[in-house]
C-alpha cells in the first residue's frame, strides 16, 4: 500500500489544469492489489501449514519445507508482477 500512496502523491503533484495522467494512479492501484493478493496467498499458505502440522506433528518437516517453497514461489511471482506493473506503462 506504500506504493499506492507514493503513486498518488506523485500523481497529485504532477497534475495541472490539463488532463491528469490516470495511468500513474492505475499503477498505484495495481501494485496495491498485487501486494494484497500476495499477502493473502502467503497468509493462507502459512495458516494451512500450521493447521496441517497441528493435526500431524510428525510430518512437520515436509510440511514446513513445502510451505516455504510455496511462499517463495508466491513472492517470486509478486516481484515479477510489481516490476511489470511499474515498467510496462512507461514503454511506448
N, C-alpha and C. Protein backbone atom coordinates (compact mmCIF):
# COMPACT_ATOMS: atom_id res chain seq x y z
N UNK A 1 0.82 -1.18 0.00
CA UNK A 1 0.00 0.00 0.00
C UNK A 1 0.87 1.25 0.00
N UNK A 2 2.13 1.10 0.40
CA UNK A 2 3.05 2.23 0.38
C UNK A 2 3.26 2.73 -1.04
N UNK A 3 3.31 1.78 -1.99
CA UNK A 3 3.48 2.16 -3.39
C UNK A 3 2.28 2.96 -3.88
N UNK A 4 1.10 2.57 -3.44
CA UNK A 4 -0.10 3.31 -3.83
C UNK A 4 -0.04 4.74 -3.33
N UNK A 5 0.39 4.91 -2.09
CA UNK A 5 0.49 6.27 -1.54
C UNK A 5 1.51 7.10 -2.30
N UNK A 6 2.65 6.50 -2.64
CA UNK A 6 3.67 7.24 -3.40
C UNK A 6 3.18 7.61 -4.79
N UNK A 7 2.50 6.68 -5.46
CA UNK A 7 1.99 6.97 -6.79
C UNK A 7 0.94 8.07 -6.75
N UNK A 8 0.07 8.02 -5.77
CA UNK A 8 -0.97 9.05 -5.67
C UNK A 8 -0.36 10.41 -5.33
N UNK A 9 0.69 10.42 -4.50
CA UNK A 9 1.37 11.68 -4.18
C UNK A 9 2.02 12.26 -5.42
N UNK A 10 2.70 11.42 -6.19
CA UNK A 10 3.32 11.87 -7.44
C UNK A 10 2.25 12.35 -8.41
N UNK A 11 1.16 11.63 -8.45
CA UNK A 11 0.06 12.00 -9.35
C UNK A 11 -0.52 13.37 -8.96
N UNK A 12 -0.67 13.59 -7.66
CA UNK A 12 -1.25 14.86 -7.20
C UNK A 12 -0.29 16.03 -7.46
N UNK A 13 1.01 15.79 -7.35
CA UNK A 13 1.98 16.86 -7.56
C UNK A 13 2.14 17.21 -9.03
N UNK A 14 1.95 16.25 -9.91
CA UNK A 14 2.20 16.48 -11.33
C UNK A 14 0.96 16.91 -12.10
N UNK A 15 -0.20 16.89 -11.47
CA UNK A 15 -1.40 17.28 -12.21
C UNK A 15 -1.46 18.79 -12.35
N UNK A 16 -1.90 19.23 -13.48
CA UNK A 16 -2.12 20.64 -13.73
C UNK A 16 -3.57 20.81 -14.15
N UNK A 17 -3.89 21.90 -14.79
CA UNK A 17 -5.25 22.11 -15.24
C UNK A 17 -5.58 21.29 -16.47
N UNK A 18 -4.58 20.65 -17.06
CA UNK A 18 -4.83 19.80 -18.23
C UNK A 18 -5.36 18.44 -17.77
N UNK A 19 -5.47 17.53 -18.71
CA UNK A 19 -5.98 16.20 -18.40
C UNK A 19 -4.97 15.46 -17.51
N UNK A 20 -5.40 14.95 -16.37
CA UNK A 20 -4.46 14.26 -15.48
C UNK A 20 -4.02 12.91 -16.07
N UNK A 21 -2.88 12.45 -15.60
CA UNK A 21 -2.33 11.17 -16.05
C UNK A 21 -2.89 10.06 -15.16
N UNK A 22 -3.99 9.46 -15.59
CA UNK A 22 -4.63 8.44 -14.78
C UNK A 22 -3.85 7.13 -14.80
N UNK A 23 -2.89 7.00 -15.70
CA UNK A 23 -2.08 5.79 -15.74
C UNK A 23 -1.27 5.59 -14.49
N UNK A 24 -0.75 6.68 -13.95
CA UNK A 24 0.03 6.56 -12.71
C UNK A 24 -0.84 6.13 -11.55
N UNK A 25 -2.04 6.64 -11.48
CA UNK A 25 -2.95 6.21 -10.42
C UNK A 25 -3.30 4.73 -10.59
N UNK A 26 -3.45 4.29 -11.84
CA UNK A 26 -3.73 2.89 -12.10
C UNK A 26 -2.58 1.98 -11.70
N UNK A 27 -1.36 2.46 -11.92
CA UNK A 27 -0.18 1.70 -11.49
C UNK A 27 -0.20 1.52 -9.98
N UNK A 28 -0.51 2.59 -9.26
CA UNK A 28 -0.55 2.50 -7.80
C UNK A 28 -1.62 1.55 -7.31
N UNK A 29 -2.79 1.61 -7.92
CA UNK A 29 -3.86 0.69 -7.54
C UNK A 29 -3.48 -0.75 -7.88
N UNK A 30 -2.89 -0.95 -9.05
CA UNK A 30 -2.46 -2.29 -9.45
C UNK A 30 -1.41 -2.86 -8.51
N UNK A 31 -0.45 -2.03 -8.12
CA UNK A 31 0.58 -2.52 -7.19
C UNK A 31 -0.03 -2.86 -5.83
N UNK A 32 -0.97 -2.05 -5.38
CA UNK A 32 -1.65 -2.36 -4.12
C UNK A 32 -2.39 -3.68 -4.18
N UNK A 33 -3.08 -3.93 -5.30
CA UNK A 33 -3.80 -5.19 -5.46
C UNK A 33 -2.85 -6.38 -5.53
N UNK A 34 -1.71 -6.19 -6.21
CA UNK A 34 -0.72 -7.26 -6.29
C UNK A 34 -0.22 -7.63 -4.90
N UNK A 35 0.10 -6.62 -4.10
CA UNK A 35 0.62 -6.88 -2.76
C UNK A 35 -0.44 -7.48 -1.84
N UNK A 36 -1.69 -7.05 -2.00
CA UNK A 36 -2.75 -7.64 -1.19
C UNK A 36 -2.95 -9.11 -1.54
N UNK A 37 -2.90 -9.42 -2.83
CA UNK A 37 -3.04 -10.81 -3.25
C UNK A 37 -1.92 -11.69 -2.73
N UNK A 38 -0.70 -11.16 -2.78
CA UNK A 38 0.44 -11.93 -2.27
C UNK A 38 0.32 -12.14 -0.77
N UNK A 39 -0.09 -11.12 -0.06
CA UNK A 39 -0.26 -11.25 1.39
C UNK A 39 -1.32 -12.28 1.75
N UNK A 40 -2.44 -12.23 1.03
CA UNK A 40 -3.49 -13.22 1.29
C UNK A 40 -3.02 -14.64 0.95
N UNK A 41 -2.29 -14.78 -0.14
CA UNK A 41 -1.81 -16.10 -0.54
C UNK A 41 -0.83 -16.69 0.46
N UNK A 42 0.12 -15.88 0.90
CA UNK A 42 1.10 -16.37 1.86
C UNK A 42 0.45 -16.62 3.22
N UNK A 43 -0.51 -15.78 3.60
CA UNK A 43 -1.22 -15.99 4.86
C UNK A 43 -2.01 -17.29 4.86
N UNK A 44 -2.69 -17.55 3.74
CA UNK A 44 -3.46 -18.79 3.63
C UNK A 44 -2.51 -20.00 3.62
N UNK A 45 -1.38 -19.85 2.94
CA UNK A 45 -0.38 -20.91 2.88
C UNK A 45 0.14 -21.23 4.28
N UNK A 46 0.51 -20.21 5.02
CA UNK A 46 1.03 -20.43 6.37
C UNK A 46 -0.01 -20.99 7.31
N UNK A 47 -1.23 -20.47 7.21
CA UNK A 47 -2.31 -20.97 8.07
C UNK A 47 -2.61 -22.43 7.81
N UNK A 48 -2.63 -22.81 6.55
CA UNK A 48 -2.88 -24.22 6.22
C UNK A 48 -1.75 -25.11 6.70
N UNK A 49 -0.53 -24.61 6.61
CA UNK A 49 0.61 -25.41 7.07
C UNK A 49 0.56 -25.60 8.59
N UNK A 50 0.23 -24.56 9.32
CA UNK A 50 0.14 -24.68 10.78
C UNK A 50 -1.01 -25.63 11.15
N UNK A 51 -2.10 -25.55 10.44
CA UNK A 51 -3.22 -26.46 10.69
C UNK A 51 -2.81 -27.90 10.42
N UNK A 52 -2.09 -28.12 9.33
CA UNK A 52 -1.65 -29.49 9.00
C UNK A 52 -0.65 -30.00 10.02
N UNK A 53 0.24 -29.13 10.49
CA UNK A 53 1.23 -29.56 11.49
C UNK A 53 0.54 -29.87 12.82
N UNK A 54 -0.50 -29.10 13.15
CA UNK A 54 -1.20 -29.39 14.42
C UNK A 54 -1.95 -30.72 14.36
N UNK A 55 -2.36 -31.13 13.16
CA UNK A 55 -3.04 -32.42 13.03
C UNK A 55 -2.06 -33.60 12.98
N UNK A 56 -0.89 -33.37 12.35
CA UNK A 56 0.13 -34.42 12.27
C UNK A 56 1.49 -33.83 12.60
N UNK A 57 1.82 -33.75 13.88
CA UNK A 57 3.10 -33.14 14.28
C UNK A 57 4.33 -33.88 13.75
N UNK A 58 4.21 -35.17 13.49
CA UNK A 58 5.37 -35.93 13.00
C UNK A 58 5.72 -35.57 11.56
N UNK A 59 4.82 -34.94 10.83
CA UNK A 59 5.08 -34.56 9.43
C UNK A 59 5.45 -33.09 9.30
N UNK A 60 5.91 -32.49 10.39
CA UNK A 60 6.19 -31.05 10.36
C UNK A 60 7.34 -30.69 9.43
N UNK A 61 8.31 -31.57 9.26
CA UNK A 61 9.44 -31.29 8.38
C UNK A 61 9.04 -31.11 6.92
N UNK A 62 8.41 -32.12 6.32
CA UNK A 62 7.99 -31.96 4.92
C UNK A 62 6.95 -30.87 4.71
N UNK A 63 6.05 -30.70 5.69
CA UNK A 63 5.03 -29.65 5.55
C UNK A 63 5.69 -28.28 5.56
N UNK A 64 6.63 -28.09 6.47
CA UNK A 64 7.33 -26.80 6.54
C UNK A 64 8.14 -26.52 5.29
N UNK A 65 8.78 -27.54 4.76
CA UNK A 65 9.56 -27.37 3.53
C UNK A 65 8.65 -26.98 2.36
N UNK A 66 7.54 -27.69 2.22
CA UNK A 66 6.61 -27.37 1.14
C UNK A 66 6.01 -25.98 1.31
N UNK A 67 5.75 -25.57 2.55
CA UNK A 67 5.22 -24.24 2.80
C UNK A 67 6.21 -23.16 2.37
N UNK A 68 7.48 -23.35 2.71
CA UNK A 68 8.50 -22.37 2.33
C UNK A 68 8.69 -22.30 0.82
N UNK A 69 8.64 -23.43 0.16
CA UNK A 69 8.77 -23.44 -1.31
C UNK A 69 7.59 -22.69 -1.94
N UNK A 70 6.38 -22.95 -1.45
CA UNK A 70 5.21 -22.27 -1.99
C UNK A 70 5.26 -20.77 -1.72
N UNK A 71 5.71 -20.37 -0.54
CA UNK A 71 5.83 -18.95 -0.22
C UNK A 71 6.87 -18.27 -1.11
N UNK A 72 7.96 -18.96 -1.39
CA UNK A 72 8.98 -18.40 -2.27
C UNK A 72 8.45 -18.23 -3.69
N UNK A 73 7.67 -19.18 -4.16
CA UNK A 73 7.06 -19.06 -5.49
C UNK A 73 6.08 -17.90 -5.55
N UNK A 74 5.29 -17.73 -4.50
CA UNK A 74 4.35 -16.60 -4.46
C UNK A 74 5.11 -15.28 -4.47
N UNK A 75 6.18 -15.20 -3.69
CA UNK A 75 6.98 -13.97 -3.65
C UNK A 75 7.63 -13.69 -5.00
N UNK A 76 8.09 -14.73 -5.68
CA UNK A 76 8.71 -14.54 -6.99
C UNK A 76 7.74 -13.99 -8.00
N UNK A 77 6.53 -14.54 -8.03
CA UNK A 77 5.51 -14.04 -8.95
C UNK A 77 5.13 -12.61 -8.59
N UNK A 78 5.09 -12.31 -7.30
CA UNK A 78 4.75 -10.95 -6.86
C UNK A 78 5.79 -9.95 -7.32
N UNK A 79 7.06 -10.28 -7.18
CA UNK A 79 8.12 -9.36 -7.61
C UNK A 79 8.06 -9.14 -9.11
N UNK A 80 7.85 -10.19 -9.87
CA UNK A 80 7.74 -10.05 -11.33
C UNK A 80 6.55 -9.18 -11.69
N UNK A 81 5.41 -9.39 -11.03
CA UNK A 81 4.22 -8.59 -11.32
C UNK A 81 4.44 -7.12 -10.96
N UNK A 82 5.11 -6.85 -9.85
CA UNK A 82 5.38 -5.47 -9.48
C UNK A 82 6.31 -4.79 -10.48
N UNK A 83 7.33 -5.51 -10.93
CA UNK A 83 8.25 -4.94 -11.91
C UNK A 83 7.52 -4.65 -13.21
N UNK A 84 6.71 -5.59 -13.67
CA UNK A 84 5.96 -5.37 -14.91
C UNK A 84 4.95 -4.24 -14.78
N UNK A 85 4.29 -4.14 -13.62
CA UNK A 85 3.32 -3.07 -13.42
C UNK A 85 4.00 -1.71 -13.42
N UNK A 86 5.24 -1.67 -12.98
CA UNK A 86 5.95 -0.38 -12.92
C UNK A 86 6.63 -0.04 -14.23
N UNK A 87 7.12 -1.04 -14.96
CA UNK A 87 7.90 -0.76 -16.17
C UNK A 87 7.03 -0.68 -17.42
N UNK A 88 6.07 -1.57 -17.60
CA UNK A 88 5.34 -1.65 -18.85
C UNK A 88 4.59 -0.37 -19.24
N UNK A 89 3.97 0.36 -18.32
CA UNK A 89 3.30 1.58 -18.77
C UNK A 89 4.26 2.65 -19.29
N UNK A 90 5.52 2.63 -18.91
CA UNK A 90 6.46 3.63 -19.40
C UNK A 90 7.01 3.28 -20.78
N UNK A 91 6.84 2.03 -21.21
CA UNK A 91 7.31 1.61 -22.53
C UNK A 91 6.26 2.01 -23.56
N UNK A 92 6.69 2.77 -24.56
CA UNK A 92 5.72 3.22 -25.58
C UNK A 92 6.23 2.89 -26.96
